[in-house]
Structure formats: C-alpha cells, structure tokens
Protein backbone atom coordinates (compact mmCIF):
# COMPACT_ATOMS: atom_id res chain seq x y z
CA UNK A 1 0.34 0.15 0.58
CA UNK A 2 1.36 3.36 -0.96
CA UNK A 3 1.48 6.59 1.00
CA UNK A 4 0.43 8.63 -2.07
CA UNK A 5 -1.48 11.83 -0.55
CA UNK A 6 -3.38 13.65 -3.60
CA UNK A 7 -4.69 17.22 -2.58
CA UNK A 8 -6.26 17.31 -6.00
CA UNK A 9 -6.89 20.51 -8.37
CA UNK A 10 -4.79 23.67 -6.62
CA UNK A 11 -5.47 26.38 -9.79
CA UNK A 12 -6.33 26.67 -13.20
CA UNK A 13 -5.11 29.31 -15.81
CA UNK A 14 -5.96 29.85 -18.89
CA UNK A 15 -7.07 26.41 -19.12
CA UNK A 16 -4.10 24.64 -17.78
CA UNK A 17 -5.32 22.82 -14.41
CA UNK A 18 -2.61 22.35 -11.90
CA UNK A 19 -2.59 19.50 -9.01
CA UNK A 20 -0.29 18.46 -5.99
CA UNK A 21 0.53 14.82 -4.92
CA UNK A 22 3.21 13.55 -2.37
CA UNK A 23 4.67 10.86 0.38
CA UNK A 24 7.11 10.38 1.80
CA UNK A 25 10.10 8.27 0.51
CA UNK A 26 13.30 7.25 1.80
CA UNK A 27 15.04 6.38 -1.29
CA UNK A 28 14.95 6.19 -5.15
CA UNK A 29 12.93 2.88 -4.70
CA UNK A 30 10.16 4.46 -2.89
CA UNK A 31 9.99 7.68 -5.03
CA UNK A 32 9.48 5.37 -8.30
CA UNK A 33 6.64 3.42 -6.07
CA UNK A 34 4.61 6.85 -5.32
CA UNK A 35 5.46 7.94 -9.45
CA UNK A 36 4.19 4.34 -10.27
CA UNK A 37 1.02 4.83 -7.40
CA UNK A 38 0.28 8.39 -8.69
CA UNK A 39 -0.15 7.00 -12.12
CA UNK A 40 -2.52 4.34 -11.30
CA UNK A 41 -4.69 7.11 -11.90
CA UNK A 42 -5.73 7.60 -15.30
CA UNK A 43 -6.42 11.26 -15.27
CA UNK A 44 -2.46 11.91 -13.79
CA UNK A 45 -1.44 9.06 -16.33
CA UNK A 46 -2.52 10.90 -19.49
CA UNK A 47 -1.77 14.44 -17.51
CA UNK A 48 0.62 17.08 -19.98
CA UNK A 49 3.63 17.15 -16.77
CA UNK A 50 4.25 15.36 -13.86
CA UNK A 51 7.47 17.15 -12.33
CA UNK A 52 8.54 16.29 -9.12
CA UNK A 53 11.64 16.90 -6.06
CA UNK A 54 12.85 15.67 -3.66
CA UNK A 55 15.70 16.16 -0.66
CA UNK A 56 16.49 12.44 0.63
CA UNK A 57 16.85 11.60 4.01
CA UNK A 58 20.49 11.29 3.65
CA UNK A 59 20.65 14.60 1.78
CA UNK A 60 20.47 13.50 -1.82
CA UNK A 61 18.69 16.33 -4.06
CA UNK A 62 16.30 14.11 -6.42
CA UNK A 63 14.33 15.89 -9.10
CA UNK A 64 12.14 15.16 -12.53
CA UNK A 65 10.81 17.63 -15.17
CA UNK A 66 9.37 15.30 -17.21
CA UNK A 67 9.07 17.92 -19.98
CA UNK A 68 8.54 20.63 -18.23
CA UNK A 69 11.60 22.42 -17.94
CA UNK A 70 13.18 23.76 -14.62
CA UNK A 71 10.52 22.89 -12.12
CA UNK A 72 11.84 20.18 -10.67
CA UNK A 73 14.41 21.86 -9.37
CA UNK A 74 11.80 24.97 -8.34
CA UNK A 75 10.45 22.22 -6.19
CA UNK A 76 13.58 21.33 -5.04
CA UNK A 77 14.46 24.89 -3.81
CA UNK A 78 11.36 25.10 -2.11
CA UNK A 79 11.87 21.84 -0.35
CA UNK A 80 15.49 23.15 0.78
CA UNK A 81 14.35 26.17 2.21
CA UNK A 82 11.87 24.51 3.98
CA UNK A 83 14.53 21.95 5.41
CA UNK A 84 12.07 19.13 4.52
CA UNK A 85 13.29 16.15 3.26
CA UNK A 86 12.32 12.33 2.70
CA UNK A 87 9.17 13.78 1.05
CA UNK A 88 8.33 13.84 -2.58
CA UNK A 89 5.97 16.30 -4.11
CA UNK A 90 4.64 16.17 -7.58
CA UNK A 91 3.07 18.97 -9.32
CA UNK A 92 0.96 18.19 -12.07
CA UNK A 93 0.06 19.82 -15.03
CA UNK A 94 -2.86 18.85 -17.44
CA UNK A 95 -1.92 21.67 -20.69
CA UNK A 96 -4.64 23.96 -21.52
CA UNK A 97 -3.62 24.92 -25.07
CA UNK A 98 -2.04 28.16 -24.45
CA UNK A 99 1.70 29.03 -23.13
CA UNK A 100 1.82 30.23 -19.72
CA UNK A 101 5.47 31.29 -19.98
CA UNK A 102 6.92 32.40 -16.77
CA UNK A 103 3.56 32.36 -14.86
CA UNK A 104 4.34 28.48 -15.02
CA UNK A 105 6.77 27.98 -12.44
CA UNK A 106 4.60 30.45 -9.96
CA UNK A 107 1.90 27.90 -10.38
CA UNK A 108 4.67 25.44 -9.41
CA UNK A 109 5.16 27.39 -6.29
CA UNK A 110 1.53 27.66 -5.32
CA UNK A 111 1.13 24.19 -5.54
CA UNK A 112 3.94 22.98 -3.37
CA UNK A 113 3.28 26.41 -1.01
CA UNK A 114 0.02 24.16 -0.93
CA UNK A 115 1.40 20.72 -0.18
CA UNK A 116 3.62 22.58 2.73
CA UNK A 117 0.86 24.03 4.12
CA UNK A 118 -1.30 21.20 4.38
CA UNK A 119 1.51 19.05 6.33
CA UNK A 120 1.33 21.35 8.89
C-alpha cells in the first residue's frame, strides 16, 4: 500500500490545471513506487507533466521535470528552503492549450506551498 497523498487541483490558468500530490520516501525505489501509484490514476497518467522533487533523508536531491523544463528545480529549492527531507512532492499539469511563460513556475510554487501548508 502506498502513502501517496493527492491534494487535487490547486489552480487553473488559461485552461491549464495544476494539482499537487506527494508522500514520504527514503530512497529512489520509494520515489518510483509513489510515482507509479500516482500514475495508476488515469487522469494523472494522461497529464501533460508530472514534475517532482525530493531531498532524500541522506541529503541527496532528486528531481524530474517530465518535459516541464526547470519545474523540478523549483520544487527542490522550496524543499531545501523549508528543510523538508524524505518527502516527495509532485506537481501535475494538464496543458490547456495556451503557453503560460514564466507563470508556470509561479503555479508550481503555489502548488508546493499549498502542499507544505497542508503537511503542518
């Protein structure tokens, strides 16, 4: 059984929808298991991007952009700033047909902030 937590859609902008999910992971195998559990849901499997980041308990940073260049690093920076380790955060985007430019990074930040606030 997975410890995956889905917070659902956090915001919409110009047709794109953003959701945030996550869960505890202590190593790369744990990260892969959580990503696999997320993608069992057809809506998440068909999403345009599932970007993610985690600071492993040993301090190793891992990230995945899934085609949304730079988004994984945004998640990592926020985790480092909050000193949050051992917890994977995944920001999912369903592309709505219009380019968002730099706004897409602000939306990733909004999703991560919402997730971190819900954890406390």
